[in-house]
Amino acid sequence: MRKVTTLIVLFVLFVTATFAYTTDGVAGRWNVIVSAEGHHPPNAVLEMEQKDGKIVGNFMIPNHGDLPVEGNFTAGKLTLRSTEDAFMKMELIGVLKDDGTFSGTVDTEMGLMTWTAKRAE
């Protein structure tokens, strides 16, 4: 019985460690491509810091400046909003895919667009 209990504990630890890795490792620099019909928004860079599920970051948009963002990352889903003092309002929602990239939607004053991101090298 002890061996079975030990195996169950090891399995739970393994699954927990694997889940934590896939849902908590988004801090860093990401290259973002925003797509919109009729618009050609510039590619951007998203830098994120993470503490547990909370995210703070900076969305760097060429020729527009830096947009501070905050939000959360839980169970593979990223939700970011521009801060109160930001130069524009933005809400970005995305999902971390199995290949390590993000995809989702971004809602701004220019309308709803799609975005993808991969880690900067």
PDB file of N, CA and C in Angstrom:
ATOM      1  N   MET A   1       0.826  -1.189   0.000  1.00  0.00           N
ATOM      2  CA  MET A   1       0.000   0.000   0.000  1.00  0.00           C
ATOM      3  C   MET A   1       0.871   1.253   0.000  1.00  0.00           C
ATOM      4  N   ARG A   2       1.995   1.203   0.718  1.00  0.00           N
ATOM      5  CA  ARG A   2       2.891   2.366   0.752  1.00  0.00           C
ATOM      6  C   ARG A   2       3.442   2.677  -0.633  1.00  0.00           C
ATOM      7  N   LYS A   3       3.749   1.646  -1.396  1.00  0.00           N
ATOM      8  CA  LYS A   3       4.278   1.863  -2.737  1.00  0.00           C
ATOM      9  C   LYS A   3       3.234   2.540  -3.628  1.00  0.00           C
ATOM     10  N   VAL A   4       1.997   2.117  -3.507  1.00  0.00           N
ATOM     11  CA  VAL A   4       0.929   2.718  -4.304  1.00  0.00           C
ATOM     12  C   VAL A   4       0.760   4.174  -3.902  1.00  0.00           C
ATOM     13  N   THR A   5       0.758   4.460  -2.611  1.00  0.00           N
ATOM     14  CA  THR A   5       0.628   5.835  -2.129  1.00  0.00           C
ATOM     15  C   THR A   5       1.795   6.680  -2.612  1.00  0.00           C
ATOM     16  N   THR A   6       2.996   6.148  -2.558  1.00  0.00           N
ATOM     17  CA  THR A   6       4.179   6.866  -3.025  1.00  0.00           C
ATOM     18  C   THR A   6       4.069   7.154  -4.524  1.00  0.00           C
ATOM     19  N   LEU A   7       3.628   6.178  -5.301  1.00  0.00           N
ATOM     20  CA  LEU A   7       3.465   6.382  -6.736  1.00  0.00           C
ATOM     21  C   LEU A   7       2.408   7.451  -7.027  1.00  0.00           C
ATOM     22  N   ILE A   8       1.336   7.453  -6.287  1.00  0.00           N
ATOM     23  CA  ILE A   8       0.281   8.453  -6.486  1.00  0.00           C
ATOM     24  C   ILE A   8       0.824   9.840  -6.164  1.00  0.00           C
ATOM     25  N   VAL A   9       1.553   9.966  -5.062  1.00  0.00           N
ATOM     26  CA  VAL A   9       2.132  11.256  -4.679  1.00  0.00           C
ATOM     27  C   VAL A   9       3.107  11.734  -5.747  1.00  0.00           C
ATOM     28  N   LEU A  10       3.967  10.859  -6.240  1.00  0.00           N
ATOM     29  CA  LEU A  10       4.910  11.239  -7.292  1.00  0.00           C
ATOM     30  C   LEU A  10       4.189  11.660  -8.564  1.00  0.00           C
ATOM     31  N   PHE A  11       3.141  10.937  -8.919  1.00  0.00           N
ATOM     32  CA  PHE A  11       2.367  11.298 -10.104  1.00  0.00           C
ATOM     33  C   PHE A  11       1.736  12.677  -9.937  1.00  0.00           C
ATOM     34  N   VAL A  12       1.142  12.953  -8.782  1.00  0.00           N
ATOM     35  CA  VAL A  12       0.519  14.252  -8.529  1.00  0.00           C
ATOM     36  C   VAL A  12       1.566  15.359  -8.588  1.00  0.00           C
ATOM     37  N   LEU A  13       2.731  15.134  -8.015  1.00  0.00           N
ATOM     38  CA  LEU A  13       3.800  16.131  -8.075  1.00  0.00           C
ATOM     39  C   LEU A  13       4.244  16.375  -9.509  1.00  0.00           C
ATOM     40  N   PHE A  14       4.356  15.324 -10.289  1.00  0.00           N
ATOM     41  CA  PHE A  14       4.750  15.471 -11.689  1.00  0.00           C
ATOM     42  C   PHE A  14       3.711  16.274 -12.468  1.00  0.00           C
ATOM     43  N   VAL A  15       2.445  15.936 -12.324  1.00  0.00           N
ATOM     44  CA  VAL A  15       1.377  16.651 -13.031  1.00  0.00           C
ATOM     45  C   VAL A  15       1.329  18.103 -12.594  1.00  0.00           C
ATOM     46  N   THR A  16       1.463  18.362 -11.294  1.00  0.00           N
ATOM     47  CA  THR A  16       1.449  19.731 -10.781  1.00  0.00           C
ATOM     48  C   THR A  16       2.617  20.528 -11.338  1.00  0.00           C
ATOM     49  N   ALA A  17       3.796  19.949 -11.368  1.00  0.00           N
ATOM     50  CA  ALA A  17       4.969  20.647 -11.906  1.00  0.00           C
ATOM     51  C   ALA A  17       4.803  20.921 -13.393  1.00  0.00           C
ATOM     52  N   THR A  18       4.265  19.968 -14.128  1.00  0.00           N
ATOM     53  CA  THR A  18       4.048  20.161 -15.556  1.00  0.00           C
ATOM     54  C   THR A  18       3.020  21.252 -15.800  1.00  0.00           C
ATOM     55  N   PHE A  19       1.913  21.241 -15.058  1.00  0.00           N
ATOM     56  CA  PHE A  19       0.880  22.261 -15.221  1.00  0.00           C
ATOM     57  C   PHE A  19       1.426  23.635 -14.857  1.00  0.00           C
ATOM     58  N   ALA A  20       2.181  23.721 -13.783  1.00  0.00           N
ATOM     59  CA  ALA A  20       2.754  25.012 -13.375  1.00  0.00           C
ATOM     60  C   ALA A  20       3.691  25.538 -14.451  1.00  0.00           C
ATOM     61  N   TYR A  21       4.466  24.669 -15.083  1.00  0.00           N
ATOM     62  CA  TYR A  21       5.377  25.117 -16.132  1.00  0.00           C
ATOM     63  C   TYR A  21       4.611  25.674 -17.326  1.00  0.00           C
ATOM     64  N   THR A  22       3.553  25.004 -17.731  1.00  0.00           N
ATOM     65  CA  THR A  22       2.842  25.435 -18.923  1.00  0.00           C
ATOM     66  C   THR A  22       1.952  26.638 -18.676  1.00  0.00           C
ATOM     67  N   THR A  23       1.608  26.941 -17.413  1.00  0.00           N
ATOM     68  CA  THR A  23       0.712  28.060 -17.168  1.00  0.00           C
ATOM     69  C   THR A  23       1.395  29.232 -16.483  1.00  0.00           C
ATOM     70  N   ASP A  24       2.650  29.110 -16.093  1.00  0.00           N
ATOM     71  CA  ASP A  24       3.287  30.191 -15.368  1.00  0.00           C
ATOM     72  C   ASP A  24       4.525  30.747 -16.039  1.00  0.00           C
ATOM     73  N   GLY A  25       4.893  30.275 -17.191  1.00  0.00           N
ATOM     74  CA  GLY A  25       6.141  30.693 -17.790  1.00  0.00           C
ATOM     75  C   GLY A  25       6.022  31.721 -18.883  1.00  0.00           C
ATOM     76  N   VAL A  26       5.233  32.786 -18.708  1.00  0.00           N
ATOM     77  CA  VAL A  26       5.046  33.739 -19.799  1.00  0.00           C
ATOM     78  C   VAL A  26       5.836  35.027 -19.628  1.00  0.00           C
ATOM     79  N   ALA A  27       6.544  35.174 -18.530  1.00  0.00           N
ATOM     80  CA  ALA A  27       7.352  36.376 -18.336  1.00  0.00           C
ATOM     81  C   ALA A  27       8.414  36.457 -19.422  1.00  0.00           C
ATOM     82  N   GLY A  28       8.730  37.673 -19.811  1.00  0.00           N
ATOM     83  CA  GLY A  28       9.758  37.870 -20.821  1.00  0.00           C
ATOM     84  C   GLY A  28       9.271  38.743 -21.952  1.00  0.00           C
ATOM     85  N   ARG A  29       9.987  38.642 -23.043  1.00  0.00           N
ATOM     86  CA  ARG A  29       9.758  39.500 -24.215  1.00  0.00           C
ATOM     87  C   ARG A  29       9.118  38.677 -25.327  1.00  0.00           C
ATOM     88  N   TRP A  30       8.029  39.195 -25.912  1.00  0.00           N
ATOM     89  CA  TRP A  30       7.284  38.515 -26.959  1.00  0.00           C
ATOM     90  C   TRP A  30       7.158  39.419 -28.175  1.00  0.00           C
ATOM     91  N   ASN A  31       7.392  38.875 -29.359  1.00  0.00           N
ATOM     92  CA  ASN A  31       7.157  39.594 -30.619  1.00  0.00           C
ATOM     93  C   ASN A  31       5.702  39.400 -31.002  1.00  0.00           C
ATOM     94  N   VAL A  32       4.999  40.505 -31.208  1.00  0.00           N
ATOM     95  CA  VAL A  32       3.554  40.465 -31.446  1.00  0.00           C
ATOM     96  C   VAL A  32       3.246  40.962 -32.861  1.00  0.00           C
ATOM     97  N   ILE A  33       2.380  40.232 -33.543  1.00  0.00           N
ATOM     98  CA  ILE A  33       1.873  40.651 -34.848  1.00  0.00           C
ATOM     99  C   ILE A  33       0.371  40.867 -34.696  1.00  0.00           C
ATOM    100  N   VAL A  34      -0.066  42.082 -34.998  1.00  0.00           N
ATOM    101  CA  VAL A  34      -1.484  42.425 -34.925  1.00  0.00           C
ATOM    102  C   VAL A  34      -2.023  42.490 -36.355  1.00  0.00           C
ATOM    103  N   SER A  35      -3.181  41.880 -36.567  1.00  0.00           N
ATOM    104  CA  SER A  35      -3.786  41.861 -37.902  1.00  0.00           C
ATOM    105  C   SER A  35      -5.173  42.479 -37.831  1.00  0.00           C
ATOM    106  N   ALA A  36      -5.461  43.344 -38.803  1.00  0.00           N
ATOM    107  CA  ALA A  36      -6.775  43.979 -38.863  1.00  0.00           C
ATOM    108  C   ALA A  36      -7.147  44.228 -40.310  1.00  0.00           C
ATOM    109  N   GLU A  37      -8.371  43.941 -40.643  1.00  0.00           N
ATOM    110  CA  GLU A  37      -8.843  44.172 -42.007  1.00  0.00           C
ATOM    111  C   GLU A  37      -8.870  45.668 -42.293  1.00  0.00           C
ATOM    112  N   GLY A  38      -8.208  46.069 -43.360  1.00  0.00           N
ATOM    113  CA  GLY A  38      -8.192  47.471 -43.742  1.00  0.00           C
ATOM    114  C   GLY A  38      -7.163  48.315 -43.004  1.00  0.00           C
ATOM    115  N   HIS A  39      -6.504  47.750 -42.015  1.00  0.00           N
ATOM    116  CA  HIS A  39      -5.472  48.472 -41.261  1.00  0.00           C
ATOM    117  C   HIS A  39      -4.171  47.694 -41.365  1.00  0.00           C
ATOM    118  N   HIS A  40      -3.094  48.400 -41.250  1.00  0.00           N
ATOM    119  CA  HIS A  40      -1.783  47.762 -41.222  1.00  0.00           C
ATOM    120  C   HIS A  40      -1.051  48.202 -39.968  1.00  0.00           C
ATOM    121  N   PRO A  41      -1.505  47.724 -38.797  1.00  0.00           N
ATOM    122  CA  PRO A  41      -0.834  48.133 -37.572  1.00  0.00           C
ATOM    123  C   PRO A  41       0.589  47.592 -37.531  1.00  0.00           C
ATOM    124  N   PRO A  42       1.472  48.328 -36.897  1.00  0.00           N
ATOM    125  CA  PRO A  42       2.868  47.865 -36.834  1.00  0.00           C
ATOM    126  C   PRO A  42       2.997  46.659 -35.904  1.00  0.00           C
ATOM    127  N   ASN A  43       4.019  45.867 -36.153  1.00  0.00           N
ATOM    128  CA  ASN A  43       4.337  44.800 -35.211  1.00  0.00           C
ATOM    129  C   ASN A  43       4.786  45.448 -33.913  1.00  0.00           C
ATOM    130  N   ALA A  44       4.609  44.761 -32.819  1.00  0.00           N
ATOM    131  CA  ALA A  44       4.905  45.331 -31.514  1.00  0.00           C
ATOM    132  C   ALA A  44       5.686  44.320 -30.686  1.00  0.00           C
ATOM    133  N   VAL A  45       6.139  44.777 -29.541  1.00  0.00           N
ATOM    134  CA  VAL A  45       6.824  43.914 -28.587  1.00  0.00           C
ATOM    135  C   VAL A  45       6.075  44.024 -27.267  1.00  0.00           C
ATOM    136  N   LEU A  46       5.823  42.888 -26.660  1.00  0.00           N
ATOM    137  CA  LEU A  46       5.175  42.840 -25.354  1.00  0.00           C
ATOM    138  C   LEU A  46       6.173  42.282 -24.357  1.00  0.00           C
ATOM    139  N   GLU A  47       6.481  43.080 -23.335  1.00  0.00           N
ATOM    140  CA  GLU A  47       7.336  42.611 -22.241  1.00  0.00           C
ATOM    141  C   GLU A  47       6.450  42.389 -21.031  1.00  0.00           C
ATOM    142  N   MET A  48       6.554  41.193 -20.441  1.00  0.00           N
ATOM    143  CA  MET A  48       5.716  40.866 -19.294  1.00  0.00           C
ATOM    144  C   MET A  48       6.556  40.402 -18.118  1.00  0.00           C
ATOM    145  N   GLU A  49       6.125  40.821 -16.932  1.00  0.00           N
ATOM    146  CA  GLU A  49       6.639  40.298 -15.673  1.00  0.00           C
ATOM    147  C   GLU A  49       5.490  39.558 -15.022  1.00  0.00           C
ATOM    148  N   GLN A  50       5.807  38.465 -14.342  1.00  0.00           N
ATOM    149  CA  GLN A  50       4.754  37.633 -13.779  1.00  0.00           C
ATOM    150  C   GLN A  50       5.045  37.286 -12.337  1.00  0.00           C
ATOM    151  N   LYS A  51       4.035  37.431 -11.508  1.00  0.00           N
ATOM    152  CA  LYS A  51       4.094  36.971 -10.121  1.00  0.00           C
ATOM    153  C   LYS A  51       2.837  36.167  -9.898  1.00  0.00           C
ATOM    154  N   ASP A  52       3.003  34.857  -9.779  1.00  0.00           N
ATOM    155  CA  ASP A  52       1.878  33.932  -9.735  1.00  0.00           C
ATOM    156  C   ASP A  52       1.052  34.150 -11.004  1.00  0.00           C
ATOM    157  N   GLY A  53      -0.228  34.430 -10.907  1.00  0.00           N
ATOM    158  CA  GLY A  53      -1.056  34.637 -12.088  1.00  0.00           C
ATOM    159  C   GLY A  53      -1.166  36.082 -12.524  1.00  0.00           C
ATOM    160  N   LYS A  54      -0.580  37.012 -11.748  1.00  0.00           N
ATOM    161  CA  LYS A  54      -0.676  38.442 -12.066  1.00  0.00           C
ATOM    162  C   LYS A  54       0.411  38.837 -13.061  1.00  0.00           C
ATOM    163  N   ILE A  55       0.012  39.664 -14.018  1.00  0.00           N
ATOM    164  CA  ILE A  55       0.931  40.128 -15.062  1.00  0.00           C
ATOM    165  C   ILE A  55       0.966  41.650 -15.061  1.00  0.00           C
ATOM    166  N   VAL A  56       2.152  42.204 -15.141  1.00  0.00           N
ATOM    167  CA  VAL A  56       2.331  43.624 -15.454  1.00  0.00           C
ATOM    168  C   VAL A  56       3.287  43.670 -16.625  1.00  0.00           C
ATOM    169  N   GLY A  57       3.094  44.651 -17.481  1.00  0.00           N
ATOM    170  CA  GLY A  57       3.955  44.680 -18.644  1.00  0.00           C
ATOM    171  C   GLY A  57       3.897  45.975 -19.405  1.00  0.00           C
ATOM    172  N   ASN A  58       4.518  45.931 -20.555  1.00  0.00           N
ATOM    173  CA  ASN A  58       4.627  47.083 -21.420  1.00  0.00           C
ATOM    174  C   ASN A  58       4.461  46.609 -22.857  1.00  0.00           C
ATOM    175  N   PHE A  59       3.508  47.196 -23.548  1.00  0.00           N
ATOM    176  CA  PHE A  59       3.244  46.892 -24.944  1.00  0.00           C
ATOM    177  C   PHE A  59       3.897  48.003 -25.745  1.00  0.00           C
ATOM    178  N   MET A  60       5.007  47.704 -26.417  1.00  0.00           N
ATOM    179  CA  MET A  60       5.780  48.709 -27.139  1.00  0.00           C
ATOM    180  C   MET A  60       5.371  48.728 -28.603  1.00  0.00           C
ATOM    181  N   ILE A  61       4.733  49.840 -29.000  1.00  0.00           N
ATOM    182  CA  ILE A  61       4.187  49.971 -30.334  1.00  0.00           C
ATOM    183  C   ILE A  61       5.021  50.995 -31.103  1.00  0.00           C
ATOM    184  N   PRO A  62       5.706  50.585 -32.185  1.00  0.00           N
ATOM    185  CA  PRO A  62       6.536  51.529 -32.936  1.00  0.00           C
ATOM    186  C   PRO A  62       5.731  52.752 -33.387  1.00  0.00           C
ATOM    187  N   ASN A  63       6.350  53.905 -33.302  1.00  0.00           N
ATOM    188  CA  ASN A  63       5.765  55.190 -33.698  1.00  0.00           C
ATOM    189  C   ASN A  63       4.579  55.623 -32.839  1.00  0.00           C
ATOM    190  N   HIS A  64       4.274  54.892 -31.775  1.00  0.00           N
ATOM    191  CA  HIS A  64       3.178  55.264 -30.888  1.00  0.00           C
ATOM    192  C   HIS A  64       3.633  55.364 -29.440  1.00  0.00           C
ATOM    193  N   GLY A  65       4.615  54.595 -29.050  1.00  0.00           N
ATOM    194  CA  GLY A  65       5.109  54.647 -27.687  1.00  0.00           C
ATOM    195  C   GLY A  65       4.804  53.384 -26.904  1.00  0.00           C
ATOM    196  N   ASP A  66       5.047  53.494 -25.621  1.00  0.00           N
ATOM    197  CA  ASP A  66       4.859  52.363 -24.717  1.00  0.00           C
ATOM    198  C   ASP A  66       3.491  52.437 -24.065  1.00  0.00           C
ATOM    199  N   LEU A  67       2.818  51.308 -24.015  1.00  0.00           N
ATOM    200  CA  LEU A  67       1.494  51.213 -23.422  1.00  0.00           C
ATOM    201  C   LEU A  67       1.582  50.278 -22.216  1.00  0.00           C
ATOM    202  N   PRO A  68       1.522  50.815 -20.987  1.00  0.00           N
ATOM    203  CA  PRO A  68       1.572  49.949 -19.816  1.00  0.00           C
ATOM    204  C   PRO A  68       0.298  49.105 -19.714  1.00  0.00           C
ATOM    205  N   VAL A  69       0.480  47.827 -19.391  1.00  0.00           N
ATOM    206  CA  VAL A  69      -0.646  46.899 -19.296  1.00  0.00           C
ATOM    207  C   VAL A  69      -0.549  46.102 -17.995  1.00  0.00           C
ATOM    208  N   GLU A  70      -1.707  45.586 -17.575  1.00  0.00           N
ATOM    209  CA  GLU A  70      -1.765  44.715 -16.405  1.00  0.00           C
ATOM    210  C   GLU A  70      -2.895  43.724 -16.601  1.00  0.00           C
ATOM    211  N   GLY A  71      -2.792  42.605 -15.942  1.00  0.00           N
ATOM    212  CA  GLY A  71      -3.842  41.606 -16.077  1.00  0.00           C
ATOM    213  C   GLY A  71      -3.456  40.318 -15.398  1.00  0.00           C
ATOM    214  N   ASN A  72      -3.845  39.198 -16.017  1.00  0.00           N
ATOM    215  CA  ASN A  72      -3.533  37.911 -15.411  1.00  0.00           C
ATOM    216  C   ASN A  72      -3.344  36.836 -16.477  1.00  0.00           C
ATOM    217  N   PHE A  73      -2.720  35.759 -16.018  1.00  0.00           N
ATOM    218  CA  PHE A  73      -2.511  34.584 -16.847  1.00  0.00           C
ATOM    219  C   PHE A  73      -2.892  33.380 -16.004  1.00  0.00           C
ATOM    220  N   THR A  74      -3.999  32.730 -16.370  1.00  0.00           N
ATOM    221  CA  THR A  74      -4.510  31.612 -15.599  1.00  0.00           C
ATOM    222  C   THR A  74      -4.966  30.524 -16.550  1.00  0.00           C
ATOM    223  N   ALA A  75      -4.557  29.301 -16.263  1.00  0.00           N
ATOM    224  CA  ALA A  75      -4.977  28.125 -17.042  1.00  0.00           C
ATOM    225  C   ALA A  75      -4.782  28.329 -18.543  1.00  0.00           C
ATOM    226  N   GLY A  76      -3.667  28.942 -18.910  1.00  0.00           N
ATOM    227  CA  GLY A  76      -3.336  29.116 -20.313  1.00  0.00           C
ATOM    228  C   GLY A  76      -3.979  30.309 -20.989  1.00  0.00           C
ATOM    229  N   LYS A  77      -4.754  31.116 -20.260  1.00  0.00           N
ATOM    230  CA  LYS A  77      -5.435  32.269 -20.855  1.00  0.00           C
ATOM    231  C   LYS A  77      -4.829  33.567 -20.326  1.00  0.00           C
ATOM    232  N   LEU A  78      -4.451  34.440 -21.258  1.00  0.00           N
ATOM    233  CA  LEU A  78      -3.867  35.740 -20.940  1.00  0.00           C
ATOM    234  C   LEU A  78      -4.915  36.825 -21.164  1.00  0.00           C
ATOM    235  N   THR A  79      -5.098  37.682 -20.158  1.00  0.00           N
ATOM    236  CA  THR A  79      -5.986  38.832 -20.281  1.00  0.00           C
ATOM    237  C   THR A  79      -5.221  40.052 -19.803  1.00  0.00           C
ATOM    238  N   LEU A  80      -5.056  41.031 -20.678  1.00  0.00           N
ATOM    239  CA  LEU A  80      -4.348  42.267 -20.342  1.00  0.00           C
ATOM    240  C   LEU A  80      -5.213  43.467 -20.700  1.00  0.00           C
ATOM    241  N   ARG A  81      -5.103  44.504 -19.886  1.00  0.00           N
ATOM    242  CA  ARG A  81      -5.781  45.775 -20.163  1.00  0.00           C
ATOM    243  C   ARG A  81      -4.775  46.895 -19.968  1.00  0.00           C
ATOM    244  N   SER A  82      -4.939  47.943 -20.751  1.00  0.00           N
ATOM    245  CA  SER A  82      -4.081  49.109 -20.549  1.00  0.00           C
ATOM    246  C   SER A  82      -4.414  49.717 -19.187  1.00  0.00           C
ATOM    247  N   THR A  83      -3.427  50.340 -18.576  1.00  0.00           N
ATOM    248  CA  THR A  83      -3.631  50.946 -17.266  1.00  0.00           C
ATOM    249  C   THR A  83      -4.409  52.252 -17.405  1.00  0.00           C
ATOM    250  N   GLU A  84      -4.867  52.762 -16.280  1.00  0.00           N
ATOM    251  CA  GLU A  84      -5.676  53.991 -16.253  1.00  0.00           C
ATOM    252  C   GLU A  84      -4.979  55.170 -16.930  1.00  0.00           C
ATOM    253  N   ASP A  85      -3.660  55.284 -16.759  1.00  0.00           N
ATOM    254  CA  ASP A  85      -2.926  56.438 -17.282  1.00  0.00           C
ATOM    255  C   ASP A  85      -2.355  56.212 -18.687  1.00  0.00           C
ATOM    256  N   ALA A  86      -2.763  55.152 -19.350  1.00  0.00           N
ATOM    257  CA  ALA A  86      -2.239  54.839 -20.681  1.00  0.00           C
ATOM    258  C   ALA A  86      -2.765  55.820 -21.725  1.00  0.00           C
ATOM    259  N   PHE A  87      -2.018  55.960 -22.829  1.00  0.00           N
ATOM    260  CA  PHE A  87      -2.410  56.904 -23.883  1.00  0.00           C
ATOM    261  C   PHE A  87      -3.596  56.407 -24.709  1.00  0.00           C
ATOM    262  N   MET A  88      -3.946  55.110 -24.601  1.00  0.00           N
ATOM    263  CA  MET A  88      -5.135  54.590 -25.272  1.00  0.00           C
ATOM    264  C   MET A  88      -5.652  53.390 -24.493  1.00  0.00           C
ATOM    265  N   LYS A  89      -6.893  53.065 -24.716  1.00  0.00           N
ATOM    266  CA  LYS A  89      -7.503  51.913 -24.051  1.00  0.00           C
ATOM    267  C   LYS A  89      -7.363  50.689 -24.939  1.00  0.00           C
ATOM    268  N   MET A  90      -6.982  49.574 -24.295  1.00  0.00           N
ATOM    269  CA  MET A  90      -6.782  48.335 -25.020  1.00  0.00           C
ATOM    270  C   MET A  90      -7.112  47.167 -24.105  1.00  0.00           C
ATOM    271  N   GLU A  91      -7.752  46.144 -24.658  1.00  0.00           N
ATOM    272  CA  GLU A  91      -7.944  44.887 -23.947  1.00  0.00           C
ATOM    273  C   GLU A  91      -7.471  43.766 -24.857  1.00  0.00           C
ATOM    274  N   LEU A  92      -6.546  42.982 -24.366  1.00  0.00           N
ATOM    275  CA  LEU A  92      -5.942  41.907 -25.142  1.00  0.00           C
ATOM    276  C   LEU A  92      -6.273  40.589 -24.447  1.00  0.00           C
ATOM    277  N   ILE A  93      -6.822  39.661 -25.205  1.00  0.00           N
ATOM    278  CA  ILE A  93      -7.143  38.337 -24.679  1.00  0.00           C
ATOM    279  C   ILE A  93      -6.497  37.311 -25.596  1.00  0.00           C
ATOM    280  N   GLY A  94      -5.842  36.332 -25.010  1.00  0.00           N
ATOM    281  CA  GLY A  94      -5.191  35.308 -25.821  1.00  0.00           C
ATOM    282  C   GLY A  94      -5.032  33.998 -25.093  1.00  0.00           C
ATOM    283  N   VAL A  95      -4.684  32.988 -25.846  1.00  0.00           N
ATOM    284  CA  VAL A  95      -4.493  31.647 -25.320  1.00  0.00           C
ATOM    285  C   VAL A  95      -3.090  31.176 -25.694  1.00  0.00           C
ATOM    286  N   LEU A  96      -2.413  30.580 -24.728  1.00  0.00           N
ATOM    287  CA  LEU A  96      -1.105  29.988 -24.991  1.00  0.00           C
ATOM    288  C   LEU A  96      -1.324  28.624 -25.632  1.00  0.00           C
ATOM    289  N   LYS A  97      -0.841  28.478 -26.862  1.00  0.00           N
ATOM    290  CA  LYS A  97      -1.044  27.243 -27.610  1.00  0.00           C
ATOM    291  C   LYS A  97       0.043  26.228 -27.269  1.00  0.00           C
ATOM    292  N   ASP A  98      -0.187  24.988 -27.677  1.00  0.00           N
ATOM    293  CA  ASP A  98       0.748  23.897 -27.390  1.00  0.00           C
ATOM    294  C   ASP A  98       2.140  24.144 -27.954  1.00  0.00           C
ATOM    295  N   ASP A  99       2.248  24.909 -29.041  1.00  0.00           N
ATOM    296  CA  ASP A  99       3.555  25.167 -29.642  1.00  0.00           C
ATOM    297  C   ASP A  99       4.305  26.322 -28.962  1.00  0.00           C
ATOM    298  N   GLY A 100       3.738  26.883 -27.868  1.00  0.00           N
ATOM    299  CA  GLY A 100       4.411  27.948 -27.131  1.00  0.00           C
ATOM    300  C   GLY A 100       4.128  29.340 -27.647  1.00  0.00           C
ATOM    301  N   THR A 101       3.211  29.482 -28.601  1.00  0.00           N
ATOM    302  CA  THR A 101       2.846  30.799 -29.111  1.00  0.00           C
ATOM    303  C   THR A 101       1.487  31.209 -28.544  1.00  0.00           C
ATOM    304  N   PHE A 102       1.206  32.503 -28.634  1.00  0.00           N
ATOM    305  CA  PHE A 102      -0.090  33.031 -28.235  1.00  0.00           C
ATOM    306  C   PHE A 102      -0.899  33.375 -29.473  1.00  0.00           C
ATOM    307  N   SER A 103      -2.220  33.347 -29.329  1.00  0.00           N
ATOM    308  CA  SER A 103      -3.112  33.924 -30.332  1.00  0.00           C
ATOM    309  C   SER A 103      -4.377  34.374 -29.625  1.00  0.00           C
ATOM    310  N   GLY A 104      -4.997  35.407 -30.209  1.00  0.00           N
ATOM    311  CA  GLY A 104      -6.210  35.903 -29.593  1.00  0.00           C
ATOM    312  C   GLY A 104      -6.723  37.154 -30.266  1.00  0.00           C
ATOM    313  N   THR A 105      -7.468  37.950 -29.495  1.00  0.00           N
ATOM    314  CA  THR A 105      -8.044  39.184 -30.005  1.00  0.00           C
ATOM    315  C   THR A 105      -7.570  40.359 -29.162  1.00  0.00           C
ATOM    316  N   VAL A 106      -7.544  41.513 -29.797  1.00  0.00           N
ATOM    317  CA  VAL A 106      -7.212  42.746 -29.100  1.00  0.00           C
ATOM    318  C   VAL A 106      -8.259  43.785 -29.497  1.00  0.00           C
ATOM    319  N   ASP A 107      -8.853  44.408 -28.493  1.00  0.00           N
ATOM    320  CA  ASP A 107      -9.891  45.406 -28.722  1.00  0.00           C
ATOM    321  C   ASP A 107      -9.319  46.770 -28.363  1.00  0.00           C
ATOM    322  N   THR A 108      -9.281  47.669 -29.344  1.00  0.00           N
ATOM    323  CA  THR A 108      -8.737  49.008 -29.135  1.00  0.00           C
ATOM    324  C   THR A 108      -9.723  50.042 -29.668  1.00  0.00           C
ATOM    325  N   GLU A 109      -9.336  51.280 -29.573  1.00  0.00           N
ATOM    326  CA  GLU A 109     -10.147  52.368 -30.115  1.00  0.00           C
ATOM    327  C   GLU A 109     -10.287  52.262 -31.634  1.00  0.00           C
ATOM    328  N   MET A 110      -9.383  51.525 -32.274  1.00  0.00           N
ATOM    329  CA  MET A 110      -9.441  51.322 -33.728  1.00  0.00           C
ATOM    330  C   MET A 110     -10.325  50.139 -34.095  1.00  0.00           C
ATOM    331  N   GLY A 111     -10.815  49.399 -33.107  1.00  0.00           N
ATOM    332  CA  GLY A 111     -11.677  48.257 -33.371  1.00  0.00           C
ATOM    333  C   GLY A 111     -11.072  46.952 -32.885  1.00  0.00           C
ATOM    334  N   LEU A 112     -11.750  45.869 -33.209  1.00  0.00           N
ATOM    335  CA  LEU A 112     -11.334  44.528 -32.805  1.00  0.00           C
ATOM    336  C   LEU A 112     -10.380  43.954 -33.846  1.00  0.00           C
ATOM    337  N   MET A 113      -9.250  43.439 -33.371  1.00  0.00           N
ATOM    338  CA  MET A 113      -8.232  42.861 -34.256  1.00  0.00           C
ATOM    339  C   MET A 113      -7.782  41.519 -33.681  1.00  0.00           C
ATOM    340  N   THR A 114      -7.056  40.773 -34.472  1.00  0.00           N
ATOM    341  CA  THR A 114      -6.467  39.527 -33.991  1.00  0.00           C
ATOM    342  C   THR A 114      -4.973  39.731 -33.783  1.00  0.00           C
ATOM    343  N   TRP A 115      -4.382  38.894 -32.965  1.00  0.00           N
ATOM    344  CA  TRP A 115      -2.943  38.988 -32.713  1.00  0.00           C
ATOM    345  C   TRP A 115      -2.365  37.611 -32.491  1.00  0.00           C
ATOM    346  N   THR A 116      -1.081  37.500 -32.773  1.00  0.00           N
ATOM    347  CA  THR A 116      -0.293  36.311 -32.467  1.00  0.00           C
ATOM    348  C   THR A 116       1.024  36.797 -31.866  1.00  0.00           C
ATOM    349  N   ALA A 117       1.649  35.936 -31.098  1.00  0.00           N
ATOM    350  CA  ALA A 117       2.931  36.306 -30.507  1.00  0.00           C
ATOM    351  C   ALA A 117       3.790  35.064 -30.306  1.00  0.00           C
ATOM    352  N   LYS A 118       5.083  35.279 -30.430  1.00  0.00           N
ATOM    353  CA  LYS A 118       6.037  34.222 -30.075  1.00  0.00           C
ATOM    354  C   LYS A 118       7.164  34.866 -29.292  1.00  0.00           C
ATOM    355  N   ARG A 119       7.807  34.058 -28.476  1.00  0.00           N
ATOM    356  CA  ARG A 119       8.896  34.575 -27.659  1.00  0.00           C
ATOM    357  C   ARG A 119       9.989  35.186 -28.523  1.00  0.00           C
ATOM    358  N   ALA A 120      10.495  36.321 -28.091  1.00  0.00           N
ATOM    359  CA  ALA A 120      11.627  36.934 -28.777  1.00  0.00           C
ATOM    360  C   ALA A 120      12.866  36.105 -28.493  1.00  0.00           C
ATOM    361  N   GLU A 121      13.714  36.010 -29.483  1.00  0.00           N
ATOM    362  CA  GLU A 121      14.940  35.208 -29.316  1.00  0.00           C
ATOM    363  C   GLU A 121      16.064  36.067 -28.830  1.00  0.00           C
TER     364      GLU A 121
END
